[in-house]
Amino acid sequence: MEEEAAMEDRGNLAGVQHIILVLSGKGGVGKSTISTELALTLRHAGKKVGILDVDLCGPSIPRMLHVQDQDVHQCDSGWVPVFVGQDKSIALMSIGFLLEKPDDAVIWRGPKKNALIKQFVSDVTWGELDFLIVDTPPGTSDEHISTVESLRPYKPLGAILVTTPQGVSVGDVRRELTFCKKTGLRILGIVENMSGFVCPHCSDACPWTPSSARAWKKAEISSRSFPRAWLSLH
């Protein structure tokens, strides 16, 4: 009886086993790309995956998964997410499905954004999922606090931070580490994205910043209070 009551309390997230947030203090580092590739990798491993896109002003994941023309439907339990692929093993919810035109700008104040995030958390019928990936906007302000607080009762597994090798990006990620520490969000790993490119002529991997150390090593300076285990997940 207690287990059934606990499942009812979880509402539409009752069938979700693990929740992972993808964060970065800086925009343009590839959070949406990492969220999408993480979901595709988990699907390839045989997992059922959902993506919750709370980047309200820049919802790009529907386009990445080629479902930008799909519509969200209502059911008795709330919104039905858009399912990706023939096997429907990835469920996606994004404000991009709610806009009349794909180029419409979301010009909202904080309270309206926070209300939609809470509605996304409570009113989307995810069904049975092994992982729910939450793609967030850059920064550490209203939307992030609302997302973490809304998901806290469901005990999210933790956060993956995304950076690029440049010093400005690493500095912003240090701020995100502080945000995770203050909100009690566990760090699962740091991804250094866009660290280089593969030459189309000779296929050599060329780093953008040859003289800099890996970004996750730089960020370690600001993460002394976290367990060392997360550094192995870079």
C-alpha atoms as a PDB file:
ATOM      1  CA  MET A   1       0.000   0.000   0.000  1.00  0.00           C
ATOM      2  CA  GLU A   2       2.814   2.424   0.839  1.00  0.00           C
ATOM      3  CA  GLU A   3       4.517   1.739  -2.507  1.00  0.00           C
ATOM      4  CA  GLU A   4       1.263   2.404  -4.381  1.00  0.00           C
ATOM      5  CA  ALA A   5       0.786   5.676  -2.495  1.00  0.00           C
ATOM      6  CA  ALA A   6       4.362   6.712  -3.343  1.00  0.00           C
ATOM      7  CA  MET A   7       3.739   5.984  -7.019  1.00  0.00           C
ATOM      8  CA  GLU A   8       0.575   8.090  -6.973  1.00  0.00           C
ATOM      9  CA  ASP A   9       2.479  10.975  -5.372  1.00  0.00           C
ATOM     10  CA  ARG A  10       4.942  10.914  -8.290  1.00  0.00           C
ATOM     11  CA  GLY A  11       2.050  11.466 -10.719  1.00  0.00           C
ATOM     12  CA  ASN A  12       3.115  11.420 -14.381  1.00  0.00           C
ATOM     13  CA  LEU A  13       6.744  10.795 -13.371  1.00  0.00           C
ATOM     14  CA  ALA A  14       5.840   7.557 -11.585  1.00  0.00           C
ATOM     15  CA  GLY A  15       7.247   5.453 -14.428  1.00  0.00           C
ATOM     16  CA  VAL A  16      10.530   7.402 -14.762  1.00  0.00           C
ATOM     17  CA  GLN A  17      13.492   5.624 -13.192  1.00  0.00           C
ATOM     18  CA  HIS A  18      16.280   8.237 -13.490  1.00  0.00           C
ATOM     19  CA  ILE A  19      16.302  12.012 -14.128  1.00  0.00           C
ATOM     20  CA  ILE A  20      19.451  13.756 -15.426  1.00  0.00           C
ATOM     21  CA  LEU A  21      19.833  17.522 -15.907  1.00  0.00           C
ATOM     22  CA  VAL A  22      22.176  18.971 -18.538  1.00  0.00           C
ATOM     23  CA  LEU A  23      23.527  22.335 -17.352  1.00  0.00           C
ATOM     24  CA  SER A  24      26.020  25.032 -18.268  1.00  0.00           C
ATOM     25  CA  GLY A  25      26.517  28.580 -17.109  1.00  0.00           C
ATOM     26  CA  LYS A  26      27.244  29.674 -20.682  1.00  0.00           C
ATOM     27  CA  GLY A  27      25.160  29.634 -23.834  1.00  0.00           C
ATOM     28  CA  GLY A  28      26.328  28.140 -27.105  1.00  0.00           C
ATOM     29  CA  VAL A  29      28.395  25.311 -25.606  1.00  0.00           C
ATOM     30  CA  GLY A  30      26.160  22.565 -26.999  1.00  0.00           C
ATOM     31  CA  LYS A  31      23.827  21.553 -24.169  1.00  0.00           C
ATOM     32  CA  SER A  32      21.022  20.639 -26.561  1.00  0.00           C
ATOM     33  CA  THR A  33      23.422  18.646 -28.737  1.00  0.00           C
ATOM     34  CA  ILE A  34      24.776  16.769 -25.714  1.00  0.00           C
ATOM     35  CA  SER A  35      21.222  16.129 -24.447  1.00  0.00           C
ATOM     36  CA  THR A  36      20.200  14.761 -27.842  1.00  0.00           C
ATOM     37  CA  GLU A  37      23.275  12.573 -28.275  1.00  0.00           C
ATOM     38  CA  LEU A  38      22.971  11.284 -24.711  1.00  0.00           C
ATOM     39  CA  ALA A  39      19.364  10.304 -25.410  1.00  0.00           C
ATOM     40  CA  LEU A  40      20.318   8.604 -28.686  1.00  0.00           C
ATOM     41  CA  THR A  41      23.166   6.726 -26.985  1.00  0.00           C
ATOM     42  CA  LEU A  42      20.874   5.482 -24.237  1.00  0.00           C
ATOM     43  CA  ARG A  43      18.305   4.437 -26.834  1.00  0.00           C
ATOM     44  CA  HIS A  44      21.030   2.533 -28.695  1.00  0.00           C
ATOM     45  CA  ALA A  45      21.759   0.744 -25.400  1.00  0.00           C
ATOM     46  CA  GLY A  46      18.151  -0.427 -25.306  1.00  0.00           C
ATOM     47  CA  LYS A  47      16.793   2.157 -22.857  1.00  0.00           C
ATOM     48  CA  LYS A  48      13.513   4.047 -23.040  1.00  0.00           C
ATOM     49  CA  VAL A  49      14.341   7.745 -22.925  1.00  0.00           C
ATOM     50  CA  GLY A  50      12.513  11.044 -22.585  1.00  0.00           C
ATOM     51  CA  ILE A  51      13.813  14.568 -23.202  1.00  0.00           C
ATOM     52  CA  LEU A  52      12.288  17.544 -21.402  1.00  0.00           C
ATOM     53  CA  ASP A  53      13.380  20.724 -23.172  1.00  0.00           C
ATOM     54  CA  VAL A  54      13.069  23.624 -20.708  1.00  0.00           C
ATOM     55  CA  ASP A  55      15.170  25.997 -22.820  1.00  0.00           C
ATOM     56  CA  LEU A  56      12.054  28.095 -23.356  1.00  0.00           C
ATOM     57  CA  CYS A  57      13.673  30.851 -25.426  1.00  0.00           C
ATOM     58  CA  GLY A  58      15.758  28.543 -27.614  1.00  0.00           C
ATOM     59  CA  PRO A  59      13.967  25.207 -28.128  1.00  0.00           C
ATOM     60  CA  SER A  60      16.231  23.487 -30.671  1.00  0.00           C
ATOM     61  CA  ILE A  61      15.852  19.779 -29.842  1.00  0.00           C
ATOM     62  CA  PRO A  62      12.667  19.258 -31.939  1.00  0.00           C
ATOM     63  CA  ARG A  63      14.628  20.363 -35.004  1.00  0.00           C
ATOM     64  CA  MET A  64      17.627  18.199 -34.080  1.00  0.00           C
ATOM     65  CA  LEU A  65      15.367  15.147 -33.973  1.00  0.00           C
ATOM     66  CA  HIS A  66      13.438  16.202 -37.129  1.00  0.00           C
ATOM     67  CA  VAL A  67      10.067  16.404 -35.359  1.00  0.00           C
ATOM     68  CA  GLN A  68       9.611  20.182 -35.379  1.00  0.00           C
ATOM     69  CA  ASP A  69       6.361  19.860 -37.350  1.00  0.00           C
ATOM     70  CA  GLN A  70       4.700  17.532 -34.842  1.00  0.00           C
ATOM     71  CA  ASP A  71       1.930  18.536 -32.447  1.00  0.00           C
ATOM     72  CA  VAL A  72       1.379  17.870 -28.750  1.00  0.00           C
ATOM     73  CA  HIS A  73      -1.984  16.319 -27.865  1.00  0.00           C
ATOM     74  CA  GLN A  74      -4.023  16.270 -24.681  1.00  0.00           C
ATOM     75  CA  CYS A  75      -5.210  13.209 -22.779  1.00  0.00           C
ATOM     76  CA  ASP A  76      -6.937  12.675 -19.431  1.00  0.00           C
ATOM     77  CA  SER A  77      -3.583  12.776 -17.596  1.00  0.00           C
ATOM     78  CA  GLY A  78      -2.165  15.851 -19.356  1.00  0.00           C
ATOM     79  CA  TRP A  79       0.031  16.444 -22.382  1.00  0.00           C
ATOM     80  CA  VAL A  80       1.181  13.540 -24.537  1.00  0.00           C
ATOM     81  CA  PRO A  81       4.824  14.038 -25.608  1.00  0.00           C
ATOM     82  CA  VAL A  82       5.986  13.661 -29.183  1.00  0.00           C
ATOM     83  CA  PHE A  83       7.530  10.249 -29.856  1.00  0.00           C
ATOM     84  CA  VAL A  84      10.616  10.041 -32.062  1.00  0.00           C
ATOM     85  CA  GLY A  85      11.391   7.284 -34.542  1.00  0.00           C
ATOM     86  CA  GLN A  86       9.458   4.228 -35.669  1.00  0.00           C
ATOM     87  CA  ASP A  87      10.102   2.424 -32.401  1.00  0.00           C
ATOM     88  CA  LYS A  88       8.930   5.486 -30.397  1.00  0.00           C
ATOM     89  CA  SER A  89      11.692   4.892 -27.865  1.00  0.00           C
ATOM     90  CA  ILE A  90      12.372   8.618 -27.327  1.00  0.00           C
ATOM     91  CA  ALA A  91       9.630  10.868 -25.933  1.00  0.00           C
ATOM     92  CA  LEU A  92      10.123  14.616 -26.303  1.00  0.00           C
ATOM     93  CA  MET A  93       8.373  17.626 -24.764  1.00  0.00           C
ATOM     94  CA  SER A  94       9.335  21.167 -25.753  1.00  0.00           C
ATOM     95  CA  ILE A  95       7.750  24.597 -25.980  1.00  0.00           C
ATOM     96  CA  GLY A  96       8.709  24.410 -29.651  1.00  0.00           C
ATOM     97  CA  PHE A  97       5.615  22.242 -30.188  1.00  0.00           C
ATOM     98  CA  LEU A  98       3.369  24.894 -28.642  1.00  0.00           C
ATOM     99  CA  LEU A  99       4.418  27.848 -30.823  1.00  0.00           C
ATOM    100  CA  GLU A 100       2.233  28.847 -33.777  1.00  0.00           C
ATOM    101  CA  LYS A 101       5.311  29.522 -35.916  1.00  0.00           C
ATOM    102  CA  PRO A 102       8.831  28.085 -35.448  1.00  0.00           C
ATOM    103  CA  ASP A 103      10.337  31.588 -35.557  1.00  0.00           C
ATOM    104  CA  ASP A 104       8.063  33.002 -32.855  1.00  0.00           C
ATOM    105  CA  ALA A 105       9.965  34.516 -29.927  1.00  0.00           C
ATOM    106  CA  VAL A 106       9.024  33.625 -26.355  1.00  0.00           C
ATOM    107  CA  ILE A 107       8.866  37.049 -24.711  1.00  0.00           C
ATOM    108  CA  TRP A 108       7.830  36.107 -21.188  1.00  0.00           C
ATOM    109  CA  ARG A 109       8.665  37.339 -17.719  1.00  0.00           C
ATOM    110  CA  GLY A 110      10.030  34.971 -15.089  1.00  0.00           C
ATOM    111  CA  PRO A 111       6.749  33.949 -13.382  1.00  0.00           C
ATOM    112  CA  LYS A 112       5.188  32.769 -16.648  1.00  0.00           C
ATOM    113  CA  LYS A 113       8.311  30.770 -17.528  1.00  0.00           C
ATOM    114  CA  ASN A 114       8.400  29.198 -14.068  1.00  0.00           C
ATOM    115  CA  ALA A 115       4.714  28.259 -14.315  1.00  0.00           C
ATOM    116  CA  LEU A 116       5.277  26.487 -17.650  1.00  0.00           C
ATOM    117  CA  ILE A 117       8.291  24.575 -16.308  1.00  0.00           C
ATOM    118  CA  LYS A 118       6.216  23.351 -13.359  1.00  0.00           C
ATOM    119  CA  GLN A 119       3.461  22.356 -15.776  1.00  0.00           C
ATOM    120  CA  PHE A 120       5.964  20.448 -17.920  1.00  0.00           C
ATOM    121  CA  VAL A 121       7.115  18.533 -14.836  1.00  0.00           C
ATOM    122  CA  SER A 122       3.628  17.672 -13.558  1.00  0.00           C
ATOM    123  CA  ASP A 123       1.415  17.440 -16.656  1.00  0.00           C
ATOM    124  CA  VAL A 124       3.379  15.465 -19.278  1.00  0.00           C
ATOM    125  CA  THR A 125       2.423  11.785 -19.469  1.00  0.00           C
ATOM    126  CA  TRP A 126       5.848  10.204 -19.900  1.00  0.00           C
ATOM    127  CA  GLY A 127       4.799   6.627 -19.287  1.00  0.00           C
ATOM    128  CA  GLU A 128       7.567   4.101 -18.550  1.00  0.00           C
ATOM    129  CA  LEU A 129      11.057   5.586 -19.019  1.00  0.00           C
ATOM    130  CA  ASP A 130      14.504   4.456 -17.951  1.00  0.00           C
ATOM    131  CA  PHE A 131      15.922   7.997 -18.250  1.00  0.00           C
ATOM    132  CA  LEU A 132      14.510  11.501 -18.502  1.00  0.00           C
ATOM    133  CA  ILE A 133      17.054  14.007 -19.843  1.00  0.00           C
ATOM    134  CA  VAL A 134      16.323  17.648 -18.943  1.00  0.00           C
ATOM    135  CA  ASP A 135      17.877  20.198 -21.301  1.00  0.00           C
ATOM    136  CA  THR A 136      18.187  23.597 -19.598  1.00  0.00           C
ATOM    137  CA  PRO A 137      18.919  27.154 -20.764  1.00  0.00           C
ATOM    138  CA  PRO A 138      22.229  28.845 -19.893  1.00  0.00           C
ATOM    139  CA  GLY A 139      22.629  30.537 -16.533  1.00  0.00           C
ATOM    140  CA  THR A 140      21.798  29.926 -12.890  1.00  0.00           C
ATOM    141  CA  SER A 141      18.648  31.989 -12.384  1.00  0.00           C
ATOM    142  CA  ASP A 142      14.852  31.644 -12.293  1.00  0.00           C
ATOM    143  CA  GLU A 143      14.339  28.805 -14.756  1.00  0.00           C
ATOM    144  CA  HIS A 144      17.079  26.701 -13.179  1.00  0.00           C
ATOM    145  CA  ILE A 145      15.817  27.205  -9.641  1.00  0.00           C
ATOM    146  CA  SER A 146      12.274  26.390 -10.773  1.00  0.00           C
ATOM    147  CA  THR A 147      13.450  23.250 -12.599  1.00  0.00           C
ATOM    148  CA  VAL A 148      15.513  21.933  -9.691  1.00  0.00           C
ATOM    149  CA  GLU A 149      12.821  22.702  -7.115  1.00  0.00           C
ATOM    150  CA  SER A 150      10.081  21.122  -9.255  1.00  0.00           C
ATOM    151  CA  LEU A 151      12.131  17.957  -9.780  1.00  0.00           C
ATOM    152  CA  ARG A 152      13.504  17.690  -6.236  1.00  0.00           C
ATOM    153  CA  PRO A 153      10.597  15.535  -4.947  1.00  0.00           C
ATOM    154  CA  TYR A 154      11.391  13.015  -7.685  1.00  0.00           C
ATOM    155  CA  LYS A 155      15.053  12.717  -6.585  1.00  0.00           C
ATOM    156  CA  PRO A 156      16.962  13.510  -9.796  1.00  0.00           C
ATOM    157  CA  LEU A 157      20.068  11.396 -10.316  1.00  0.00           C
ATOM    158  CA  GLY A 158      22.247  14.479 -10.856  1.00  0.00           C
ATOM    159  CA  ALA A 159      23.622  16.890 -13.440  1.00  0.00           C
ATOM    160  CA  ILE A 160      25.980  16.757 -16.398  1.00  0.00           C
ATOM    161  CA  LEU A 161      27.798  20.062 -17.019  1.00  0.00           C
ATOM    162  CA  VAL A 162      28.846  21.130 -20.513  1.00  0.00           C
ATOM    163  CA  THR A 163      31.727  23.472 -21.328  1.00  0.00           C
ATOM    164  CA  THR A 164      34.143  24.384 -24.105  1.00  0.00           C
ATOM    165  CA  PRO A 165      37.917  24.816 -23.587  1.00  0.00           C
ATOM    166  CA  GLN A 166      37.930  28.619 -23.611  1.00  0.00           C
ATOM    167  CA  GLY A 167      38.608  30.376 -20.328  1.00  0.00           C
ATOM    168  CA  VAL A 168      35.361  32.366 -20.382  1.00  0.00           C
ATOM    169  CA  SER A 169      33.330  29.173 -20.742  1.00  0.00           C
ATOM    170  CA  VAL A 170      35.248  27.403 -17.979  1.00  0.00           C
ATOM    171  CA  GLY A 171      34.652  30.367 -15.670  1.00  0.00           C
ATOM    172  CA  ASP A 172      30.916  30.130 -16.266  1.00  0.00           C
ATOM    173  CA  VAL A 173      30.980  26.411 -15.558  1.00  0.00           C
ATOM    174  CA  ARG A 174      32.627  27.130 -12.211  1.00  0.00           C
ATOM    175  CA  ARG A 175      29.586  29.244 -11.379  1.00  0.00           C
ATOM    176  CA  GLU A 176      27.370  26.337 -12.386  1.00  0.00           C
ATOM    177  CA  LEU A 177      29.334  24.110 -10.016  1.00  0.00           C
ATOM    178  CA  THR A 178      28.555  26.582  -7.248  1.00  0.00           C
ATOM    179  CA  PHE A 179      24.874  26.489  -8.236  1.00  0.00           C
ATOM    180  CA  CYS A 180      24.844  22.695  -8.003  1.00  0.00           C
ATOM    181  CA  LYS A 181      26.551  22.810  -4.625  1.00  0.00           C
ATOM    182  CA  LYS A 182      24.052  25.329  -3.204  1.00  0.00           C
ATOM    183  CA  THR A 183      21.035  23.454  -4.555  1.00  0.00           C
ATOM    184  CA  GLY A 184      22.322  20.037  -3.486  1.00  0.00           C
ATOM    185  CA  LEU A 185      22.488  18.702  -7.038  1.00  0.00           C
ATOM    186  CA  ARG A 186      24.983  15.891  -7.547  1.00  0.00           C
ATOM    187  CA  ILE A 187      27.570  16.299 -10.332  1.00  0.00           C
ATOM    188  CA  LEU A 188      27.694  13.248 -12.605  1.00  0.00           C
ATOM    189  CA  GLY A 189      30.333  14.602 -14.970  1.00  0.00           C
ATOM    190  CA  ILE A 190      31.669  17.466 -17.065  1.00  0.00           C
ATOM    191  CA  VAL A 191      31.735  17.298 -20.857  1.00  0.00           C
ATOM    192  CA  GLU A 192      34.298  19.393 -22.743  1.00  0.00           C
ATOM    193  CA  ASN A 193      32.522  20.037 -26.031  1.00  0.00           C
ATOM    194  CA  MET A 194      34.024  21.594 -29.190  1.00  0.00           C
ATOM    195  CA  SER A 195      37.541  20.887 -27.993  1.00  0.00           C
ATOM    196  CA  GLY A 196      38.768  20.633 -31.584  1.00  0.00           C
ATOM    197  CA  PHE A 197      37.923  19.564 -35.114  1.00  0.00           C
ATOM    198  CA  VAL A 198      38.872  16.748 -37.468  1.00  0.00           C
ATOM    199  CA  CYS A 199      40.734  18.007 -40.532  1.00  0.00           C
ATOM    200  CA  PRO A 200      38.795  17.061 -43.691  1.00  0.00           C
ATOM    201  CA  HIS A 201      42.064  16.557 -45.600  1.00  0.00           C
ATOM    202  CA  CYS A 202      44.325  14.550 -43.281  1.00  0.00           C
ATOM    203  CA  SER A 203      41.788  13.378 -40.606  1.00  0.00           C
ATOM    204  CA  ASP A 204      43.999  14.655 -37.786  1.00  0.00           C
ATOM    205  CA  ALA A 205      42.225  15.881 -34.640  1.00  0.00           C
ATOM    206  CA  CYS A 206      43.197  19.519 -34.132  1.00  0.00           C
ATOM    207  CA  PRO A 207      42.501  21.171 -30.739  1.00  0.00           C
ATOM    208  CA  TRP A 208      41.169  24.720 -30.698  1.00  0.00           C
ATOM    209  CA  THR A 209      43.339  25.679 -27.714  1.00  0.00           C
ATOM    210  CA  PRO A 210      46.511  23.535 -27.796  1.00  0.00           C
ATOM    211  CA  SER A 211      48.083  25.207 -24.754  1.00  0.00           C
ATOM    212  CA  SER A 212      45.150  24.743 -22.370  1.00  0.00           C
ATOM    213  CA  ALA A 213      44.542  21.770 -20.120  1.00  0.00           C
ATOM    214  CA  ARG A 214      41.253  19.891 -20.254  1.00  0.00           C
ATOM    215  CA  ALA A 215      38.331  21.962 -19.063  1.00  0.00           C
ATOM    216  CA  TRP A 216      37.237  19.527 -16.400  1.00  0.00           C
ATOM    217  CA  LYS A 217      40.692  19.713 -14.799  1.00  0.00           C
ATOM    218  CA  LYS A 218      40.416  23.494 -14.639  1.00  0.00           C
ATOM    219  CA  ALA A 219      36.986  23.281 -13.075  1.00  0.00           C
ATOM    220  CA  GLU A 220      38.331  20.902 -10.413  1.00  0.00           C
ATOM    221  CA  ILE A 221      39.741  23.943  -8.592  1.00  0.00           C
ATOM    222  CA  SER A 222      36.200  25.012  -7.745  1.00  0.00           C
ATOM    223  CA  SER A 223      34.889  21.542  -6.953  1.00  0.00           C
ATOM    224  CA  ARG A 224      36.929  20.422  -3.949  1.00  0.00           C
ATOM    225  CA  SER A 225      33.800  19.676  -1.936  1.00  0.00           C
ATOM    226  CA  PHE A 226      32.473  17.174  -4.504  1.00  0.00           C
ATOM    227  CA  PRO A 227      33.470  13.487  -4.488  1.00  0.00           C
ATOM    228  CA  ARG A 228      36.449  12.762  -6.727  1.00  0.00           C
ATOM    229  CA  ALA A 229      34.498   9.981  -8.493  1.00  0.00           C
ATOM    230  CA  TRP A 230      32.688  12.408 -10.789  1.00  0.00           C
ATOM    231  CA  LEU A 231      35.948  13.460 -12.444  1.00  0.00           C
ATOM    232  CA  SER A 232      36.246  10.026 -14.050  1.00  0.00           C
ATOM    233  CA  LEU A 233      33.029  10.680 -15.988  1.00  0.00           C
ATOM    234  CA  HIS A 234      34.342  13.552 -18.104  1.00  0.00           C
END
